[in-house]
Protein backbone atom coordinates (compact mmCIF):
# COMPACT_ATOMS: atom_id res chain seq x y z
CA MET A 1 143.78 111.49 120.21
CA ARG A 2 146.15 111.49 117.59
CA THR A 3 149.29 110.80 118.58
CA GLU A 4 152.96 111.17 117.34
CA THR A 5 156.25 110.10 118.24
CA LEU A 6 159.09 112.80 119.18
CA SER A 7 162.62 111.38 119.42
CA ILE A 8 164.99 113.32 121.91
CA ARG A 9 168.61 113.04 122.96
CA ILE A 10 169.21 112.58 126.43
CA SER A 11 171.82 111.19 128.79
CA ARG A 12 171.79 107.65 130.00
CA ALA A 13 171.48 109.17 133.52
CA GLU A 14 168.65 111.21 132.62
CA ILE A 15 167.05 107.94 131.20
CA ARG A 16 167.67 105.92 134.30
CA ALA A 17 166.14 108.73 136.45
CA LEU A 18 163.06 108.67 134.02
CA ARG A 19 162.35 105.06 133.98
CA GLN A 20 163.03 104.90 137.89
CA HIS A 21 160.70 107.43 138.60
CA ALA A 22 158.05 106.22 136.02
CA ARG A 23 158.84 102.96 137.54
CA ARG A 24 157.88 104.48 141.17
CA GLN A 25 154.59 106.28 139.93
CA GLY A 26 153.79 103.35 137.87
CA VAL A 27 153.18 105.28 134.52
CA SER A 28 154.62 104.81 131.33
CA GLN A 29 157.99 106.58 130.50
CA GLY A 30 155.97 108.68 127.97
CA ASN A 31 153.03 109.39 130.39
CA LEU A 32 155.44 110.85 132.18
CA VAL A 33 157.08 113.36 130.26
CA ARG A 34 153.63 114.11 128.64
CA ARG A 35 152.80 114.99 132.31
CA ALA A 36 156.17 117.32 132.83
CA LEU A 37 154.86 119.02 129.65
CA HIS A 38 151.64 120.05 131.42
CA ALA A 39 153.44 121.01 134.02
CA TYR A 40 155.64 123.21 132.33
CA GLY A 41 152.74 124.70 130.77
CA VAL A 42 152.67 123.10 127.38
CA THR A 43 149.12 122.18 126.73
CA PRO A 44 146.91 121.68 123.37
CA GLU A 45 144.90 124.09 122.13
CA PRO A 46 141.46 122.72 122.86
CA GLU A 47 139.81 121.09 119.62
CA PRO A 48 136.96 122.70 118.80
CA THR A 49 133.45 121.10 119.33
CA LYS A 50 131.75 119.65 116.77
CA THR A 51 127.77 119.79 116.25
CA GLY A 52 125.74 117.24 114.62
CA TYR A 53 125.76 119.79 111.43
CA ASP A 54 129.57 119.39 111.36
CA VAL A 55 129.27 115.80 111.42
CA ILE A 56 126.86 115.56 108.40
CA LYS A 57 127.15 118.81 106.45
CA HIS A 58 129.10 116.68 103.96
CA LEU A 59 126.42 114.82 102.80
CA LEU A 60 123.74 117.51 103.03
CA GLY A 61 122.50 118.61 99.23
CA ARG A 62 123.84 115.83 97.47
CA ASN A 63 120.19 114.05 96.50
CA ARG A 64 120.11 114.70 92.40
CA GLY A 65 116.80 114.18 90.61
CA GLY A 66 113.23 113.27 92.07
CA SER A 67 110.37 115.05 92.92
CA LYS A 68 111.09 118.53 94.52
CA ASN A 69 107.36 118.98 95.23
CA LEU A 70 106.23 115.72 97.39
CA SER A 71 104.90 117.93 100.04
CA THR A 72 102.76 120.19 98.20
CA ASN A 73 101.64 118.16 94.77
CA PRO A 74 97.88 117.00 95.86
CA ALA A 75 98.69 113.81 93.31
CA HIS A 76 101.44 112.60 95.68
CA LEU A 77 98.99 113.32 99.02
CA ALA A 78 96.22 111.65 97.00
CA VAL A 79 97.86 108.07 98.15
CA TYR A 80 99.29 109.27 101.46
CA GLY A 81 98.56 106.82 104.04
CA ARG A 82 96.89 103.79 102.05
């Protein structure tokens, strides 16, 4: 998960309450704020599922040169398995 930093201005009383609540819950302040955002209905769009093809598609079709008929040319098949 990629994360970014968000800076907000809140009062000293709010930061004090945030720290106390986070301490009571046993979580970080950031985690507490993320929970509050989620409870408020602010949720990220789900990331699209990648297929195996999506992962390697940049590699496909990059081989240049060499024989293109290795599986059909009898000359190549004559020494196969020796």
